[in-house]
Structures are given as structure tokens and as C-alpha cells.
Amino acid sequence: MPRVLTARFMHETNTFSRVPTDIANIRRRDFHLENEIPVAFRGTRSALGATFEAADKFDWTLLHPVSANPNPSGTVSDDAFEQITGMILGAVDAKGPIDGVLLHLHGAMVSESHEDAEGEFLARLRKRIGPEAPVVVTLDLHANVTRAMADNASALIAYRTYPHIDQYERAWQGAELLQRAMRGEIRPKTVIARRPMLYGLDHGRTQQGPMAELISRGEALEQSGGALVVSICAGFSRANIRDVGPSVTVTVDGGSPQGQTIAEEFMDYAWATRDFTTVKLLSVAEAVALARRGVPGEKPLVVADYTDNPGGGGYGDATAFLKGLVEAGAESVAFHAICDPEAVLQGMRAGIGAKTTLALGGKTDPAMGGLPLALHGEVVCLTNGRFIAYGPMGGGVERNYGPSMVFRVDGIDVIVITNNGQATDLAQFTSLGVDPTRYRTVAVKSMQHFRAAFEPIAREVVLVDTGALCSEIYTPELFTRVRRPIWPLDPIPDPHAL
């Protein structure tokens, strides 16, 4: 029985965030060790759920030391990076030899000492297990993929949907490729191509445009045998690091030069379409005006706070849009969420049914999205913040947002949470007794992932710019560590000349 190592260590690092990602932050949400992992993920449509199914099918002896998936936030501390990667490498030392590895990483992790944290980790792992054992890695399509990652992994398999609803399928793809490699049927090798771009590919949106086109072309190559895997990553631009930006990686059997040719052609297309965007942001005033137009019986208007997106490292406590709704006297609004542990604690002390005044939000960095709001309202629900998410991105996995509250301010039901996270599942409302389909307006904090669950219930979806941390501002003053020249910071007549 092949001995296969699996683990999940996923973090999208927003280097502009002032919230440090230390070991306490990592352990706060979606963290499991050893025997806790099969209990949490077996039978779910998740990456680890698929991994366990594959282990059963292929008769693997599966080693699973840790699963860590903290919410996007600031730079990962060296202590946290060493602790989590040490658990994985320690399993190799204690339980090896290892025949193969199937890892679930993000691809945009930055630690205090390593801008390319995943590349550093994979290099250490490769040194431990040797050059022959296949290492297959699934990645978020917002990975900032580096040559070190490509050189130390046999295959890199990126998600193909945004919202990410194919993590289960990509893990199965990785498992099947790993099985073939361990049996000696293939010898996967991965190459990479990039261009001097800070962002592109419509920031990874897969519904239409260049990202969708390249994914379709890549899948056709896989089906025809032209490549084992073609992965397109849009990159994560809220990272002040050298190797930020889009990439294409191609996995081929052996040393075929065709892989590099494919990768370069795909990146030429990404460069040519770098200006393409489908994003239109409204001002707070415009979004509030739309929220006031709803009538009872209609589907809700869904308004997403694009720039306070916890899924991109936003603090989740920007108050600008909530302030606009309150001042306009908006009615029948369900608002998810303000991340404010202090306010939740005050609500718990007051108790359900209590009418009190709370200072909500704006506490992490008031310059990003608004000052704290002093609001008088009623505590109408309190929970521990745990529930099963069965939506398109949930897969039947438990979520934990910590102690949570519904605070009713006139016609607005404000959900307040302890553990930060964007709205991706209807149960983030219904677990607190809030049925989003019964409101005229549903407000969420998210860029794109909310669409999987909330677009089907909406009469219209709009995005609002609240001036928070995830605002798309690109200036040389912010990006001091990126390789230069790079678009859009510099004029680049010919990217191939660099």
C-alpha cells in the first residue's frame, strides 16, 4: 500500500493588512490535527474529502498531520510558519518513507522571512523525500506562483472556478495524477511562464473573458493529451512581493519542451488582454439609493462591499455602507457582517431582547472604511457561530465564526461576528434566524465568492466601494518590493525584451 502524505496549509496573505497571522490566528478557525481531520472532512465535497475518497479507492496509507486554513490576513509569523510546516515535515521524518504527496495549498502565502512561503516549504519537503517521489499540489487560482514552486512540485493544479466551487474536483484530479505517477505510468514535470504584470485576467473571474478562454483551451489540451495539467493563475495583487502576478504552469510527461511553448503562448494572451475587466463599483450613495427602492415581495437586491472583502484580507469591520443605510433610514436590510468581537461580547452581556447602544466596527483601522458607529438597537439573536455550510462553496463542512449576534437597528438586521470571514453561504444568515430571501436588500462583504450562493436569490447584484483595505489602488509607493518594470506601474513596450 503506497504511503501518501496529505495536508492543507492555505493562507492568502495581504501584506498591507495590519492583522498579523500568528499561530493563535491560525488556530482560531478551520484548524484540525491528525485524527480530527477525517472526522471533519470525510464525506464532504471538499479537497480533503476527495483525498480520503481517493485513498480508499487506491488503497493508500494516508498520513494527514494537519489542516490549517486561516482567513486571509497579514503576514504569517515565522513561528506560525515553522510550526505548521514542521508538523508536515515531521510526519515525513516519523512515518516515512513516503511514496507520494498530495498537498492543498493556496499559493499566495507570505511569511516574515519568506516572500515565497510555499516555494520555501516545497523546497524543504523535496529535500526530505528526495527527487523521485511525486508531489502534487492543488492551488487557489489567485496564487502568486513562483519558479521555486514549479521546480519542487511535480504538478500544480489550480482551481478553475471563481467562486471556487471545484476544490473537490481538482483534488480528485490531483489524486488520479499522483496514482499514475506512483505506479510509474508518467513522470510529471511542471514549467512556468509569467509576464511583467501586477494583475490581469480580470482578477480571475471565470464566467467570461480571458480567464474563461484560457481555462477552456487548457482543458482541451488535457483531454487531447497535449498536457497532463494546464493551470492558469490570476495572482493575488494585494501582496507587496517580488513575484506577484499572473502565471501559467503546464505539467507534461517527462521533459517535453511542448509544455513551455504552451505556457508562453497562454501568457502572451494574458498580456494582450491585461486591461479587460468586468468590475463596476458603485459609490456608497449610489448603493444606498438602490437599497431604498425595493418593495415587499420582490427578490432582494444583493450589495457586496467589494473593498472590505475578508476573503482578500479585508478587516470585515468597515462601516461606510452601514452608516449610509442607517442615515438613509433604509428598511428591510440584512447585513453580513461586522467583525467585532468586542461588540458581540457586549451583546452577550446585555442578552437577547435587550435594547442597548453599541459601538460597531471601525476598530482595526478607522482610516479603512469608516469610524466606529454608535448605534442603538436590540439584540435579537446570539449563537456560537458554528454551523454546517451546504452551499456551493460549503461542501458540507462545518464553519466557525465564533460567538455571533444579530443586532437590529430600526429596519436593519446587522450580523456581528467574532471570527472574520466573507459571506459565501446562506447559512451565515439562516443559522442566526435571518432568512435573506425575505429582505428587500442583502448586504455582504465579498468581491466574487458570494455569487455562488447569493446570486440565485437576487433580483440584482451590485458592488460598492467603501474605501476599505482591498481598494484596487496601484502605485509605486505601495508596491516597493515588486520586480520592476511591471505593468501598470511602468510603461512596457515589449514584455519579451525583459
Protein backbone atom coordinates (compact mmCIF):
# COMPACT_ATOMS: atom_id res chain seq x y z
CA MET A 1 0.00 0.00 0.00
CA PRO A 2 1.57 3.34 -1.04
CA ARG A 3 2.26 5.74 1.81
CA VAL A 4 0.83 9.11 0.82
CA LEU A 5 1.29 12.34 2.74
CA THR A 6 -1.51 14.90 2.59
CA ALA A 7 -2.00 18.20 4.38
CA ARG A 8 -3.72 21.54 3.97
CA PHE A 9 -1.96 24.80 4.79
CA MET A 10 -3.75 27.63 2.99
CA HIS A 11 -3.29 31.33 3.54
CA GLU A 12 -3.78 34.26 1.19
CA THR A 13 -1.52 36.92 2.66
CA ASN A 14 -2.48 40.57 2.28
CA THR A 15 0.83 42.21 3.12
CA PHE A 16 -0.93 45.56 3.58
CA SER A 17 -3.04 44.24 6.46
CA ARG A 18 -2.17 45.23 10.00
CA VAL A 19 -3.64 41.98 11.38
CA PRO A 20 -0.73 39.55 11.96
CA THR A 21 -1.20 35.90 11.13
CA ASP A 22 0.26 34.25 14.21
CA ILE A 23 -0.37 30.75 15.50
CA ALA A 24 -3.33 31.92 17.59
CA ASN A 25 -4.94 33.43 14.47
CA ILE A 26 -4.36 30.18 12.57
CA ARG A 27 -5.87 28.03 15.31
CA ARG A 28 -8.93 30.26 15.62
CA ARG A 29 -10.80 28.95 12.58
CA ASP A 30 -10.74 25.81 10.42
CA PHE A 31 -7.80 24.14 12.15
CA HIS A 32 -7.56 20.38 12.68
CA LEU A 33 -4.87 17.93 13.72
CA GLU A 34 -4.28 14.25 12.98
CA ASN A 35 -7.39 12.19 13.84
CA GLU A 36 -9.63 15.28 13.89
CA ILE A 37 -9.17 15.59 10.12
CA PRO A 38 -11.12 12.54 8.86
CA VAL A 39 -13.93 13.35 11.30
CA ALA A 40 -14.18 16.87 9.89
CA PHE A 41 -13.80 16.11 6.17
CA ARG A 42 -14.76 12.54 5.27
CA GLY A 43 -17.97 12.56 3.26
CA THR A 44 -17.71 16.24 2.33
CA ARG A 45 -17.29 17.80 -1.10
CA SER A 46 -14.01 19.38 -0.14
CA ALA A 47 -10.39 18.91 -1.18
CA LEU A 48 -9.68 16.72 1.83
CA GLY A 49 -12.97 14.88 1.34
CA ALA A 50 -11.81 13.93 -2.16
CA THR A 51 -8.40 12.94 -0.80
CA PHE A 52 -9.92 10.46 1.64
CA GLU A 53 -12.12 9.01 -1.10
CA ALA A 54 -9.06 8.59 -3.34
CA ALA A 55 -7.12 6.91 -0.53
CA ASP A 56 -9.95 4.37 -0.17
CA LYS A 57 -10.13 3.75 -3.91
CA PHE A 58 -6.38 3.39 -4.48
CA ASP A 59 -5.56 1.63 -1.18
CA TRP A 60 -3.25 4.35 0.07
CA THR A 61 -1.99 4.55 3.62
CA LEU A 62 -2.76 8.18 4.21
CA LEU A 63 -0.75 10.38 6.57
CA HIS A 64 -2.60 13.59 7.50
CA PRO A 65 -0.81 15.59 10.18
CA VAL A 66 -2.57 18.97 9.91
CA SER A 67 -5.23 21.02 8.15
CA ALA A 68 -4.89 24.78 8.62
CA ASN A 69 -6.96 27.31 6.69
CA PRO A 70 -6.94 30.71 8.42
CA ASN A 71 -8.87 33.61 6.96
CA PRO A 72 -6.80 35.89 4.69
CA SER A 73 -4.93 38.44 6.79
CA GLY A 74 -1.47 39.93 7.26
CA THR A 75 1.98 38.40 7.03
CA VAL A 76 2.39 34.94 8.58
CA SER A 77 4.71 34.97 11.58
CA ASP A 78 7.88 32.91 11.36
CA ASP A 79 6.79 30.97 14.42
CA ALA A 80 3.45 30.02 12.83
CA PHE A 81 5.07 29.08 9.51
CA GLU A 82 7.66 26.91 11.23
CA GLN A 83 5.10 25.25 13.49
CA ILE A 84 2.68 24.24 10.73
CA THR A 85 5.26 23.23 8.14
CA GLY A 86 7.14 21.47 10.93
CA MET A 87 4.11 19.28 11.59
CA ILE A 88 4.05 18.23 7.94
CA LEU A 89 7.79 17.66 7.61
CA GLY A 90 7.82 15.93 10.98
CA ALA A 91 5.33 13.38 9.64
CA VAL A 92 7.81 12.55 6.88
CA ASP A 93 10.59 12.03 9.42
CA ALA A 94 8.44 9.99 11.82
CA LYS A 95 6.33 7.92 9.41
CA GLY A 96 8.31 7.73 6.16
CA PRO A 97 9.38 6.64 3.67
CA ILE A 98 6.79 8.50 1.59
CA ASP A 99 5.74 7.25 -1.84
CA GLY A 100 3.80 10.37 -2.86
CA VAL A 101 2.40 13.67 -1.65
CA LEU A 102 -0.93 15.42 -2.27
CA LEU A 103 -0.96 18.89 -0.73
CA HIS A 104 -3.65 21.55 -0.65
CA LEU A 105 -2.01 24.98 -0.56
CA HIS A 106 -3.13 28.47 -1.54
CA GLY A 107 -0.07 29.74 -3.36
CA ALA A 108 -0.10 33.33 -2.06
CA MET A 109 1.36 32.89 1.43
CA VAL A 110 3.98 35.35 2.67
CA SER A 111 5.84 34.84 5.94
CA GLU A 112 8.10 37.22 7.80
CA SER A 113 11.23 35.59 6.37
CA HIS A 114 9.91 34.15 3.11
CA GLU A 115 8.07 36.13 0.42
CA ASP A 116 7.53 32.81 -1.39
CA ALA A 117 6.44 30.79 1.63
CA GLU A 118 5.04 27.88 -0.38
CA GLY A 119 8.18 27.71 -2.53
CA GLU A 120 10.29 27.55 0.64
CA PHE A 121 8.09 24.85 2.14
CA LEU A 122 8.06 22.75 -1.04
CA ALA A 123 11.86 23.02 -1.30
CA ARG A 124 12.20 21.72 2.26
CA LEU A 125 9.76 18.92 1.54
CA ARG A 126 11.55 17.93 -1.65
CA LYS A 127 14.83 17.74 0.23
CA ARG A 128 13.19 15.44 2.79
CA ILE A 129 11.56 12.98 0.39
CA GLY A 130 14.11 13.04 -2.45
CA PRO A 131 13.84 13.83 -6.16
CA GLU A 132 11.78 10.83 -7.26
CA ALA A 133 8.65 10.85 -5.10
CA PRO A 134 5.85 12.71 -6.92
CA VAL A 135 4.46 15.84 -5.21
CA VAL A 136 1.08 17.05 -6.48
CA VAL A 137 -0.26 20.37 -5.20
CA THR A 138 -3.70 21.94 -5.61
CA LEU A 139 -3.71 25.75 -5.59
CA ASP A 140 -6.12 28.64 -5.48
CA LEU A 141 -6.37 30.37 -8.86
CA HIS A 142 -5.23 33.55 -7.08
CA ALA A 143 -1.84 32.01 -6.34
CA ASN A 144 1.31 34.04 -6.96
CA VAL A 145 3.09 31.04 -8.45
CA THR A 146 6.90 31.05 -8.49
CA ARG A 147 9.60 29.04 -10.20
CA ALA A 148 10.53 27.51 -6.84
CA MET A 149 7.01 26.15 -6.54
CA ALA A 150 7.08 24.73 -10.06
CA ASP A 151 10.57 23.24 -9.64
CA ASN A 152 9.79 21.47 -6.37
CA ALA A 153 6.31 20.17 -7.23
CA SER A 154 5.66 17.52 -9.85
CA ALA A 155 2.29 19.08 -10.71
CA LEU A 156 0.42 22.26 -9.77
CA ILE A 157 -3.36 22.09 -10.22
CA ALA A 158 -5.23 25.39 -9.83
CA TYR A 159 -8.96 25.83 -9.31
CA ARG A 160 -10.94 26.62 -12.45
CA THR A 161 -13.90 28.41 -10.96
CA TYR A 162 -14.32 31.75 -9.19
CA PRO A 163 -16.33 31.46 -6.94
CA HIS A 164 -14.24 28.38 -6.10
CA ILE A 165 -16.73 25.53 -6.35
CA ASP A 166 -14.38 22.91 -7.85
CA GLN A 167 -11.95 22.23 -5.00
CA TYR A 168 -13.29 18.67 -4.73
CA GLU A 169 -12.83 18.04 -8.46
CA ARG A 170 -9.31 19.48 -8.51
CA ALA A 171 -8.29 17.31 -5.56
CA TRP A 172 -9.60 14.24 -7.39
CA GLN A 173 -7.67 15.29 -10.50
CA GLY A 174 -4.56 15.56 -8.36
CA ALA A 175 -5.14 12.21 -6.72
CA GLU A 176 -5.56 10.41 -10.04
CA LEU A 177 -2.41 12.02 -11.43
CA LEU A 178 -0.49 11.12 -8.27
CA GLN A 179 -1.61 7.50 -8.52
CA ARG A 180 -0.39 7.27 -12.12
CA ALA A 181 2.92 8.82 -11.15
CA MET A 182 3.45 6.46 -8.20
CA ARG A 183 2.76 3.48 -10.48
CA GLY A 184 5.41 4.73 -12.91
CA GLU A 185 2.99 5.37 -15.78
CA ILE A 186 4.04 9.03 -16.03
CA ARG A 187 6.86 11.27 -14.80
CA PRO A 188 5.18 14.67 -14.39
CA LYS A 189 7.29 17.81 -14.68
CA THR A 190 5.99 21.37 -14.41
CA VAL A 191 7.15 24.52 -16.19
CA ILE A 192 6.05 28.12 -15.65
CA ALA A 193 5.60 31.30 -17.70
CA ARG A 194 4.92 34.82 -16.44
CA ARG A 195 4.89 38.37 -17.74
CA PRO A 196 5.70 41.70 -16.03
CA MET A 197 2.11 42.13 -14.79
CA LEU A 198 0.90 43.08 -11.34
CA TYR A 199 -2.57 41.75 -12.14
CA GLY A 200 -4.64 40.61 -15.13
CA LEU A 201 -7.12 38.02 -16.38
CA ASP A 202 -10.00 40.05 -14.87
CA HIS A 203 -8.62 39.17 -11.43
CA GLY A 204 -9.51 35.53 -12.11
CA ARG A 205 -13.19 35.80 -13.00
CA THR A 206 -14.16 32.64 -14.83
CA GLN A 207 -17.65 33.49 -16.13
CA GLN A 208 -16.38 35.20 -19.30
CA GLY A 209 -13.32 36.89 -20.72
CA PRO A 210 -9.65 35.88 -20.94
CA MET A 211 -9.59 33.65 -17.84
CA ALA A 212 -12.50 31.58 -19.11
CA GLU A 213 -10.92 31.39 -22.56
CA LEU A 214 -7.58 30.12 -21.28
CA ILE A 215 -9.18 27.60 -18.93
CA SER A 216 -11.21 26.20 -21.83
CA ARG A 217 -8.11 25.94 -24.01
CA GLY A 218 -6.17 24.28 -21.20
CA GLU A 219 -8.87 21.68 -20.59
CA ALA A 220 -8.92 20.87 -24.32
CA LEU A 221 -5.16 20.24 -24.19
CA GLU A 222 -5.57 17.95 -21.20
CA GLN A 223 -8.32 15.96 -22.93
CA SER A 224 -6.33 15.64 -26.15
CA GLY A 225 -3.16 14.52 -24.39
CA GLY A 226 -1.24 17.70 -25.20
CA ALA A 227 -0.51 18.20 -21.49
CA LEU A 228 -1.18 16.47 -18.21
CA VAL A 229 -2.27 19.69 -16.47
CA VAL A 230 -2.64 23.30 -17.54
CA SER A 231 -3.15 25.76 -14.68
CA ILE A 232 -3.90 29.46 -15.08
CA CYS A 233 -3.49 31.68 -12.02
CA ALA A 234 -4.53 35.33 -11.94
CA GLY A 235 -2.31 36.05 -8.94
CA PHE A 236 -3.13 37.97 -5.77
CA SER A 237 -2.27 41.64 -6.17
CA ARG A 238 -2.62 42.71 -2.53
CA ALA A 239 0.90 41.46 -1.89
CA ASN A 240 3.97 43.67 -1.90
CA ILE A 241 6.40 40.95 -3.03
CA ARG A 242 8.74 40.45 -5.94
CA ASP A 243 6.89 37.61 -7.66
CA VAL A 244 3.34 38.94 -7.52
CA GLY A 245 1.14 38.48 -10.59
CA PRO A 246 -0.45 36.07 -13.07
CA SER A 247 1.17 32.86 -14.26
CA VAL A 248 0.59 29.77 -16.36
CA THR A 249 2.04 26.43 -15.35
CA VAL A 250 1.97 23.37 -17.59
CA THR A 251 2.64 19.83 -16.41
CA VAL A 252 3.93 17.42 -19.03
CA ASP A 253 5.11 13.81 -19.01
CA GLY A 254 8.90 13.80 -18.79
CA GLY A 255 10.94 16.60 -20.29
CA SER A 256 8.79 17.50 -23.29
CA PRO A 257 9.55 21.07 -24.49
CA GLN A 258 5.93 21.46 -25.55
CA GLY A 259 4.94 22.50 -22.04
CA GLN A 260 6.97 25.70 -22.08
CA THR A 261 5.64 26.60 -25.54
CA ILE A 262 2.06 26.25 -24.29
CA ALA A 263 2.74 28.27 -21.15
CA GLU A 264 4.34 31.13 -23.11
CA GLU A 265 1.51 31.26 -25.65
CA PHE A 266 -1.09 31.39 -22.88
CA MET A 267 0.77 34.17 -21.09
CA ASP A 268 1.01 36.15 -24.32
CA TYR A 269 -2.79 36.10 -24.39
CA ALA A 270 -2.95 37.15 -20.73
CA TRP A 271 -0.66 40.08 -21.53
CA ALA A 272 -2.68 41.11 -24.57
CA THR A 273 -5.92 41.16 -22.54
CA ARG A 274 -4.49 42.67 -19.35
CA ASP A 275 -6.91 45.66 -19.40
CA PHE A 276 -10.06 43.52 -19.58
CA THR A 277 -12.37 43.95 -16.58
CA THR A 278 -15.97 43.18 -15.71
CA VAL A 279 -15.93 45.03 -12.38
CA LYS A 280 -18.11 48.12 -11.91
CA LEU A 281 -18.08 49.70 -8.46
CA LEU A 282 -20.82 52.00 -7.15
CA SER A 283 -20.35 54.72 -4.57
CA VAL A 284 -21.93 54.30 -1.16
CA ALA A 285 -24.57 56.90 -2.06
CA GLU A 286 -25.48 55.06 -5.26
CA ALA A 287 -25.76 51.71 -3.47
CA VAL A 288 -27.89 53.20 -0.69
CA ALA A 289 -30.23 54.74 -3.25
CA LEU A 290 -30.74 51.33 -4.87
CA ALA A 291 -31.37 49.74 -1.47
CA ARG A 292 -34.24 52.17 -0.80
CA ARG A 293 -36.08 51.21 -4.00
CA GLY A 294 -37.03 47.66 -3.09
CA VAL A 295 -40.64 46.71 -2.47
CA PRO A 296 -42.09 43.85 -0.41
CA GLY A 297 -42.44 40.58 -2.30
CA GLU A 298 -39.53 41.15 -4.69
CA LYS A 299 -36.32 39.19 -4.59
CA PRO A 300 -33.66 41.09 -2.64
CA LEU A 301 -31.08 43.44 -4.05
CA VAL A 302 -27.67 41.98 -3.12
CA VAL A 303 -24.99 44.60 -2.46
CA ALA A 304 -21.42 43.40 -1.99
CA ASP A 305 -18.85 45.57 -0.22
CA TYR A 306 -16.04 44.83 -2.65
CA THR A 307 -13.29 46.70 -0.85
CA ASP A 308 -13.86 45.32 2.67
CA ASN A 309 -13.65 41.73 1.46
CA PRO A 310 -12.46 39.43 4.28
CA GLY A 311 -11.63 36.90 1.56
CA GLY A 312 -8.89 39.26 0.34
CA GLY A 313 -7.59 40.22 3.76
CA GLY A 314 -10.12 42.98 4.44
CA TYR A 315 -10.81 43.63 8.10
CA GLY A 316 -14.54 42.98 7.78
CA ASP A 317 -15.35 45.94 10.03
CA ALA A 318 -15.72 48.79 7.53
CA THR A 319 -18.77 50.84 8.44
CA ALA A 320 -19.20 53.23 5.49
CA PHE A 321 -22.04 51.34 3.79
CA LEU A 322 -23.83 50.50 7.04
CA LYS A 323 -23.61 54.17 8.04
CA GLY A 324 -25.16 55.19 4.73
CA LEU A 325 -28.03 52.72 5.17
CA VAL A 326 -28.74 53.85 8.73
CA GLU A 327 -28.67 57.56 7.88
CA ALA A 328 -30.99 56.99 4.91
CA GLY A 329 -33.50 55.10 7.07
CA ALA A 330 -33.27 52.01 4.86
CA GLU A 331 -35.82 49.31 5.67
CA SER A 332 -35.74 45.52 5.40
CA VAL A 333 -31.96 45.12 5.18
CA ALA A 334 -29.97 42.05 6.24
CA PHE A 335 -26.31 42.99 6.70
CA HIS A 336 -23.44 40.47 6.89
CA ALA A 337 -21.29 41.26 8.68
CA ILE A 338 -19.36 43.47 11.03
CA CYS A 339 -16.43 41.61 12.55
CA ASP A 340 -16.30 42.99 16.07
CA PRO A 341 -15.60 40.58 18.95
CA GLU A 342 -15.90 43.39 21.49
CA ALA A 343 -19.42 44.30 20.35
CA VAL A 344 -20.50 40.64 20.37
CA LEU A 345 -19.29 40.31 23.95
CA GLN A 346 -21.25 43.40 24.95
CA GLY A 347 -24.34 42.00 23.24
CA MET A 348 -23.95 38.72 25.11
CA ARG A 349 -23.72 40.56 28.40
CA ALA A 350 -26.87 42.52 27.55
CA GLY A 351 -28.76 39.37 26.50
CA ILE A 352 -31.40 38.57 23.91
CA GLY A 353 -34.17 41.15 23.86
CA ALA A 354 -32.05 43.85 25.42
CA LYS A 355 -32.04 47.29 23.87
CA THR A 356 -28.66 48.93 24.10
CA THR A 357 -26.16 51.17 22.34
CA LEU A 358 -23.08 49.56 20.81
CA ALA A 359 -20.04 50.94 19.04
CA LEU A 360 -19.91 48.76 15.91
CA GLY A 361 -16.91 48.25 13.64
CA GLY A 362 -14.18 50.61 12.53
CA LYS A 363 -11.79 49.46 15.24
CA THR A 364 -8.99 47.75 13.31
CA ASP A 365 -8.06 50.73 11.14
CA PRO A 366 -10.68 53.52 11.04
CA ALA A 367 -8.98 55.07 8.01
CA MET A 368 -10.05 52.00 6.02
CA GLY A 369 -13.80 52.11 5.54
CA GLY A 370 -15.11 54.30 8.33
CA LEU A 371 -15.10 55.05 12.05
CA PRO A 372 -16.97 53.02 14.70
CA LEU A 373 -20.73 53.60 14.61
CA ALA A 374 -22.59 54.28 17.86
CA LEU A 375 -25.92 52.55 17.15
CA HIS A 376 -28.93 51.94 19.37
CA GLY A 377 -30.72 48.68 18.72
CA GLU A 378 -31.95 45.35 20.02
CA VAL A 379 -30.05 42.10 20.48
CA VAL A 380 -32.35 39.63 18.70
CA CYS A 381 -30.15 36.53 18.37
CA LEU A 382 -26.96 35.06 19.87
CA THR A 383 -25.16 31.90 18.72
CA ASN A 384 -21.77 30.21 18.98
CA GLY A 385 -21.20 30.87 15.27
CA ARG A 386 -20.91 27.20 14.29
CA PHE A 387 -22.96 25.59 11.51
CA ILE A 388 -22.66 23.26 8.52
CA ALA A 389 -22.30 25.02 5.17
CA TYR A 390 -24.13 23.08 2.45
CA GLY A 391 -23.98 25.73 -0.27
CA PRO A 392 -21.93 25.55 -3.49
CA MET A 393 -18.74 26.55 -1.67
CA GLY A 394 -19.60 24.79 1.59
CA GLY A 395 -19.50 21.14 0.65
CA GLY A 396 -20.96 20.04 3.98
CA VAL A 397 -18.00 21.30 6.04
CA GLU A 398 -18.53 22.97 9.41
CA ARG A 399 -17.81 26.69 9.65
CA ASN A 400 -16.89 28.56 12.83
CA TYR A 401 -17.29 32.33 13.01
CA GLY A 402 -17.08 32.42 16.79
CA PRO A 403 -19.74 33.97 19.04
CA SER A 404 -22.15 35.82 16.78
CA MET A 405 -25.08 38.19 17.15
CA VAL A 406 -27.93 39.81 15.27
CA PHE A 407 -28.28 43.45 16.29
CA ARG A 408 -31.47 45.10 14.99
CA VAL A 409 -31.10 48.80 14.25
CA ASP A 410 -34.53 50.06 13.14
CA GLY A 411 -35.09 48.30 9.79
CA ILE A 412 -31.59 46.79 9.53
CA ASP A 413 -30.57 43.42 10.96
CA VAL A 414 -26.81 43.60 11.44
CA ILE A 415 -24.93 40.33 11.89
CA VAL A 416 -21.86 40.77 14.09
CA ILE A 417 -19.20 38.04 14.20
CA THR A 418 -16.04 37.23 16.13
CA ASN A 419 -14.00 35.32 13.53
CA ASN A 420 -13.62 37.27 10.30
CA GLY A 421 -14.90 35.80 7.03
CA GLN A 422 -16.71 36.79 3.85
CA ALA A 423 -20.30 35.81 3.06
CA THR A 424 -20.33 32.72 0.83
CA ASP A 425 -23.16 30.60 2.25
CA LEU A 426 -26.82 31.29 3.03
CA ALA A 427 -26.36 29.55 6.39
CA GLN A 428 -24.27 32.50 7.51
CA PHE A 429 -27.67 34.23 7.72
CA THR A 430 -30.09 31.37 8.42
CA SER A 431 -28.04 29.93 11.31
CA LEU A 432 -28.81 33.22 13.06
CA GLY A 433 -32.52 33.16 12.27
CA VAL A 434 -32.20 35.56 9.32
CA ASP A 435 -33.80 34.42 6.05
CA PRO A 436 -32.12 36.54 3.37
CA THR A 437 -34.86 35.85 0.82
CA ARG A 438 -37.34 37.80 2.99
CA TYR A 439 -35.46 41.11 2.93
CA ARG A 440 -35.52 43.83 0.30
CA THR A 441 -31.73 44.24 0.49
CA VAL A 442 -29.00 41.80 1.47
CA ALA A 443 -25.59 43.35 2.15
CA VAL A 444 -22.48 41.16 2.16
CA LYS A 445 -18.73 41.74 2.33
CA SER A 446 -17.17 39.93 -0.61
CA MET A 447 -15.72 40.50 -4.08
CA GLN A 448 -16.93 37.46 -6.01
CA HIS A 449 -17.39 34.34 -3.88
CA PHE A 450 -20.78 35.49 -2.59
CA ARG A 451 -22.22 34.99 -6.08
CA ALA A 452 -22.35 31.19 -5.86
CA ALA A 453 -24.95 31.25 -3.07
CA PHE A 454 -26.48 34.71 -3.29
CA GLU A 455 -26.83 35.46 -6.99
CA PRO A 456 -29.58 32.82 -7.37
CA ILE A 457 -31.75 34.58 -4.77
CA ALA A 458 -31.10 38.14 -6.01
CA ARG A 459 -33.13 40.36 -8.29
CA GLU A 460 -29.93 42.34 -8.94
CA VAL A 461 -26.31 42.24 -7.76
CA VAL A 462 -24.16 45.36 -7.38
CA LEU A 463 -20.72 46.08 -5.94
CA VAL A 464 -19.94 49.03 -3.67
CA ASP A 465 -16.63 50.75 -2.97
CA THR A 466 -16.33 51.72 0.70
CA GLY A 467 -12.68 52.78 0.51
CA ALA A 468 -11.53 49.86 2.64
CA LEU A 469 -8.31 47.84 2.58
CA CYS A 470 -8.99 45.90 -0.64
CA SER A 471 -9.41 49.01 -2.77
CA GLU A 472 -7.68 48.47 -6.10
CA ILE A 473 -5.03 51.15 -5.84
CA TYR A 474 -1.80 50.51 -7.73
CA THR A 475 1.01 52.99 -7.18
CA PRO A 476 4.80 52.61 -6.90
CA GLU A 477 4.57 53.93 -3.34
CA LEU A 478 2.60 50.85 -2.30
CA PHE A 479 4.50 48.22 -4.26
CA THR A 480 8.08 48.76 -3.18
CA ARG A 481 9.26 45.15 -3.44
CA VAL A 482 7.83 44.02 -6.78
CA ARG A 483 10.13 43.31 -9.70
CA ARG A 484 10.42 46.30 -12.00
CA PRO A 485 9.49 47.28 -14.58
CA ILE A 486 5.96 45.94 -14.19
CA TRP A 487 2.56 46.87 -15.63
CA PRO A 488 0.64 49.05 -14.77
CA LEU A 489 3.31 50.89 -12.77
CA ASP A 490 5.72 51.21 -15.71
CA PRO A 491 5.49 51.58 -19.50
CA ILE A 492 6.46 48.24 -21.11
CA PRO A 493 6.51 48.29 -24.95
CA ASP A 494 7.67 44.67 -25.25
CA PRO A 495 7.39 42.23 -22.33
CA HIS A 496 9.59 39.69 -24.15
CA ALA A 497 12.53 42.12 -24.11
CA LEU A 498 12.78 41.98 -20.31
